[in-house]
Amino acid sequence: MTATFRTVSGRGEATLDRHGSEFIALVAPVDTVDEAEAVIAEVESTYPDATHHVPVYRVPAGEVSADQLGDVMLREWCSDDGEPSGSSGKPALNVLVQQELQNLVAVVTRYYGGTNLGVGGLARAYSGAVKQAVDDAGIVEQVPHERFEASVDYDDSGTVRGILESTAAEFEASYDEQASFAVRVPVTESAELRERLLNATSGRVELD
């Protein structure tokens, strides 16, 4: 992984018809295996009666820190989901590899149309569907991000929220017994942000 990487700018979709079989592709940006698997589960629940769901993803194998930007391994994973071996998952994954895309997941759902396409025909259909979904989403240069949670008592919640709003961080706030902020921030800015939160609350904020 370099200081920046190529990924999709958002979700993209595409639909192909091959001899009566319908191939529905979705790509989405994700940062972790858990996020990728959540998208896969979402697609499976959206099309529960489909013949196959072929998933692929390329994500960092672990947490990314500022001193690891040039040396983070990628986890590549794919499944044929019952299609002939090598006919679907690998061709779909190759689209991401050839375009040097990472931090994303793709799922191609197939409704069988009654005509066997053969390994070559399936490979072209699955890879073509992913490529069109990537084109639909658009490609961007992105910087690695880190996630953490900041929890504080309500007296400090305004201070924490104000700091987060003044930075490049993305966050979601929830208010229960304490105020909690799920934070997503570029890894190069994470250490400074953590320090600001600790200093502003005199160490009362809990960072996980």
Protein backbone atom coordinates (compact mmCIF):
# COMPACT_ATOMS: atom_id res chain seq x y z
CA MET A 1 0.00 0.00 0.00
CA THR A 2 1.27 3.43 -0.90
CA ALA A 3 0.44 6.80 0.68
CA THR A 4 -2.58 6.88 -1.61
CA PHE A 5 -4.47 4.11 -3.33
CA ARG A 6 -7.06 3.62 -6.03
CA THR A 7 -10.60 2.66 -5.08
CA VAL A 8 -14.18 3.38 -6.10
CA SER A 9 -15.72 6.72 -5.17
CA GLY A 10 -18.94 5.10 -3.99
CA ARG A 11 -21.30 2.29 -4.84
CA GLY A 12 -21.66 1.23 -8.45
CA GLU A 13 -24.02 -1.20 -10.14
CA ALA A 14 -24.33 -2.98 -13.48
CA THR A 15 -26.61 -5.60 -15.03
CA LEU A 16 -25.71 -7.95 -17.90
CA ASP A 17 -27.81 -10.49 -19.78
CA ARG A 18 -26.05 -13.50 -21.28
CA HIS A 19 -28.24 -16.09 -23.04
CA GLY A 20 -31.04 -15.59 -20.54
CA SER A 21 -28.86 -15.50 -17.42
CA GLU A 22 -28.93 -12.18 -15.59
CA PHE A 23 -25.77 -10.95 -13.85
CA ILE A 24 -26.24 -8.15 -11.32
CA ALA A 25 -23.01 -6.57 -10.02
CA LEU A 26 -22.46 -4.28 -7.05
CA VAL A 27 -19.16 -2.69 -6.00
CA ALA A 28 -18.68 -0.66 -2.82
CA PRO A 29 -15.77 0.96 -0.98
CA VAL A 30 -14.84 -0.75 2.30
CA ASP A 31 -11.89 -0.54 4.69
CA THR A 32 -12.06 -3.89 6.49
CA VAL A 33 -12.97 -7.54 5.99
CA ASP A 34 -15.96 -7.07 8.33
CA GLU A 35 -17.30 -4.23 6.17
CA ALA A 36 -16.82 -6.32 3.03
CA GLU A 37 -18.65 -9.28 4.53
CA ALA A 38 -21.50 -6.99 5.62
CA VAL A 39 -21.96 -5.85 2.01
CA ILE A 40 -21.91 -9.47 0.81
CA ALA A 41 -24.58 -10.40 3.37
CA GLU A 42 -26.65 -7.41 2.30
CA VAL A 43 -26.60 -8.53 -1.34
CA GLU A 44 -27.48 -12.11 -0.42
CA SER A 45 -30.50 -10.89 1.56
CA THR A 46 -31.55 -8.57 -1.29
CA TYR A 47 -31.60 -11.43 -3.82
CA PRO A 48 -32.36 -14.52 -1.70
CA ASP A 49 -33.66 -16.53 -4.65
CA ALA A 50 -30.62 -16.02 -6.91
CA THR A 51 -28.70 -18.99 -8.28
CA HIS A 52 -25.25 -17.71 -7.28
CA HIS A 53 -23.65 -14.84 -5.37
CA VAL A 54 -19.98 -14.47 -6.37
CA PRO A 55 -18.08 -12.19 -3.94
CA VAL A 56 -14.57 -10.72 -4.17
CA TYR A 57 -12.70 -8.15 -2.14
CA ARG A 58 -9.29 -6.51 -1.68
CA VAL A 59 -8.78 -4.88 1.71
CA PRO A 60 -5.89 -4.25 4.13
CA ALA A 61 -5.06 -7.38 6.10
CA GLY A 62 -4.96 -5.38 9.34
CA GLU A 63 -5.14 -1.92 10.84
CA VAL A 64 -3.18 0.74 8.96
CA SER A 65 -0.99 3.12 10.96
CA ALA A 66 0.91 6.17 9.79
CA ASP A 67 4.29 4.40 9.95
CA GLN A 68 3.03 1.46 7.86
CA LEU A 69 1.71 3.29 4.81
CA GLY A 70 4.22 1.74 2.47
CA ASP A 71 4.15 -1.78 3.87
CA VAL A 72 0.61 -3.02 4.44
CA MET A 73 -0.44 -6.37 3.04
CA LEU A 74 -3.68 -6.71 1.14
CA ARG A 75 -6.10 -9.54 1.74
CA GLU A 76 -7.54 -10.77 -1.55
CA TRP A 77 -10.47 -13.16 -1.41
CA CYS A 78 -12.96 -14.61 -3.87
CA SER A 79 -15.46 -17.46 -4.13
CA ASP A 80 -17.03 -19.24 -7.09
CA ASP A 81 -20.14 -19.97 -4.97
CA GLY A 82 -20.95 -23.18 -6.79
CA GLU A 83 -19.95 -22.08 -10.29
CA PRO A 84 -17.27 -24.19 -12.05
CA SER A 85 -13.86 -23.71 -10.46
CA GLY A 86 -12.05 -20.65 -11.80
CA SER A 87 -15.01 -19.46 -13.87
CA SER A 88 -16.25 -16.59 -11.72
CA GLY A 89 -14.48 -15.50 -8.53
CA LYS A 90 -10.96 -15.33 -9.97
CA PRO A 91 -11.99 -13.47 -13.18
CA ALA A 92 -13.96 -10.99 -11.07
CA LEU A 93 -11.03 -10.47 -8.69
CA ASN A 94 -8.65 -10.02 -11.62
CA VAL A 95 -10.58 -6.91 -12.67
CA LEU A 96 -9.69 -5.28 -9.33
CA VAL A 97 -6.08 -6.46 -9.51
CA GLN A 98 -5.53 -5.30 -13.10
CA GLN A 99 -6.93 -1.86 -12.32
CA GLU A 100 -4.89 -1.72 -9.07
CA LEU A 101 -8.01 -1.18 -7.00
CA GLN A 102 -8.24 -1.90 -3.29
CA ASN A 103 -10.39 -1.19 -0.24
CA LEU A 104 -13.46 -2.41 -2.07
CA VAL A 105 -15.82 -5.34 -2.38
CA ALA A 106 -17.70 -6.61 -5.42
CA VAL A 107 -20.57 -9.09 -5.55
CA VAL A 108 -22.06 -10.50 -8.75
CA THR A 109 -25.47 -12.11 -8.40
CA ARG A 110 -26.57 -14.55 -11.10
CA TYR A 111 -30.03 -15.71 -12.03
CA TYR A 112 -29.59 -18.81 -14.20
CA GLY A 113 -31.39 -18.58 -17.53
CA GLY A 114 -31.29 -22.21 -18.61
CA THR A 115 -28.29 -22.10 -20.95
CA ASN A 116 -24.84 -23.28 -19.81
CA LEU A 117 -22.28 -20.62 -20.72
CA GLY A 118 -19.12 -22.67 -20.21
CA VAL A 119 -16.10 -21.57 -18.20
CA GLY A 120 -15.05 -18.98 -20.77
CA GLY A 121 -18.51 -17.50 -21.10
CA LEU A 122 -18.92 -17.30 -17.33
CA ALA A 123 -15.52 -15.68 -16.89
CA ARG A 124 -16.39 -13.00 -19.44
CA ALA A 125 -19.79 -12.39 -17.85
CA TYR A 126 -18.55 -12.11 -14.27
CA SER A 127 -15.52 -9.97 -15.11
CA GLY A 128 -17.56 -7.80 -17.46
CA ALA A 129 -20.21 -7.18 -14.84
CA VAL A 130 -17.59 -6.11 -12.26
CA LYS A 131 -15.84 -3.83 -14.76
CA GLN A 132 -19.10 -2.10 -15.65
CA ALA A 133 -19.99 -1.65 -11.97
CA VAL A 134 -16.55 -0.13 -11.33
CA ASP A 135 -17.04 2.22 -14.28
CA ASP A 136 -20.46 3.17 -12.87
CA ALA A 137 -18.95 3.98 -9.48
CA GLY A 138 -15.91 5.86 -10.75
CA ILE A 139 -12.32 5.54 -9.54
CA VAL A 140 -10.64 7.93 -7.09
CA GLU A 141 -7.30 8.28 -5.34
CA GLN A 142 -7.84 7.85 -1.61
CA VAL A 143 -5.69 7.99 1.52
CA PRO A 144 -5.73 5.20 4.14
CA HIS A 145 -8.08 5.80 7.03
CA GLU A 146 -8.21 4.58 10.62
CA ARG A 147 -11.25 4.05 12.81
CA PHE A 148 -11.57 4.54 16.55
CA GLU A 149 -14.26 5.32 19.09
CA ALA A 150 -14.23 8.29 21.46
CA SER A 151 -16.47 8.08 24.55
CA VAL A 152 -17.05 10.91 27.02
CA ASP A 153 -19.53 12.09 29.62
CA TYR A 154 -22.10 14.54 28.36
CA ASP A 155 -20.27 17.53 29.88
CA ASP A 156 -17.41 16.99 27.42
CA SER A 157 -19.47 15.88 24.41
CA GLY A 158 -19.74 19.37 22.92
CA THR A 159 -15.99 19.84 23.11
CA VAL A 160 -15.29 16.52 21.40
CA ARG A 161 -17.88 17.10 18.72
CA GLY A 162 -16.51 20.57 18.00
CA ILE A 163 -12.98 19.21 17.53
CA LEU A 164 -14.18 16.45 15.22
CA GLU A 165 -16.17 18.93 13.13
CA SER A 166 -13.06 21.09 12.70
CA THR A 167 -11.02 18.26 11.16
CA ALA A 168 -11.12 15.97 8.14
CA ALA A 169 -12.60 13.23 10.31
CA GLU A 170 -15.91 11.57 9.55
CA PHE A 171 -17.93 10.55 12.58
CA GLU A 172 -21.26 9.25 13.83
CA ALA A 173 -22.46 10.24 17.29
CA SER A 174 -24.63 8.18 19.62
CA TYR A 175 -25.91 9.20 23.03
CA ASP A 176 -26.57 6.59 25.70
CA GLU A 177 -25.05 6.51 29.19
CA GLN A 178 -22.17 8.39 27.58
CA ALA A 179 -21.70 10.24 24.33
CA SER A 180 -19.85 8.03 21.84
CA PHE A 181 -18.33 9.06 18.53
CA ALA A 182 -17.36 6.49 15.90
CA VAL A 183 -14.53 8.26 14.10
CA ARG A 184 -12.96 7.64 10.69
CA VAL A 185 -9.87 9.76 10.04
CA PRO A 186 -6.87 9.69 7.65
CA VAL A 187 -4.12 7.71 9.39
CA THR A 188 -1.67 10.57 8.93
CA GLU A 189 -3.93 12.78 11.10
CA SER A 190 -5.03 10.21 13.66
CA ALA A 191 -2.31 10.69 16.29
CA GLU A 192 -2.73 14.47 16.31
CA LEU A 193 -6.50 14.18 16.60
CA ARG A 194 -6.27 11.75 19.49
CA GLU A 195 -3.88 14.12 21.28
CA ARG A 196 -6.22 17.09 20.74
CA LEU A 197 -9.16 15.16 22.18
CA LEU A 198 -7.17 14.07 25.21
CA ASN A 199 -5.81 17.57 25.87
CA ALA A 200 -9.19 19.28 25.41
CA THR A 201 -10.86 16.95 27.92
CA SER A 202 -7.92 16.71 30.33
CA GLY A 203 -7.69 13.02 29.56
CA ARG A 204 -11.33 12.26 30.31
CA VAL A 205 -12.12 10.96 26.82
CA GLU A 206 -11.82 7.20 26.33
CA LEU A 207 -10.27 6.23 23.00
CA ASP A 208 -10.64 2.68 21.65
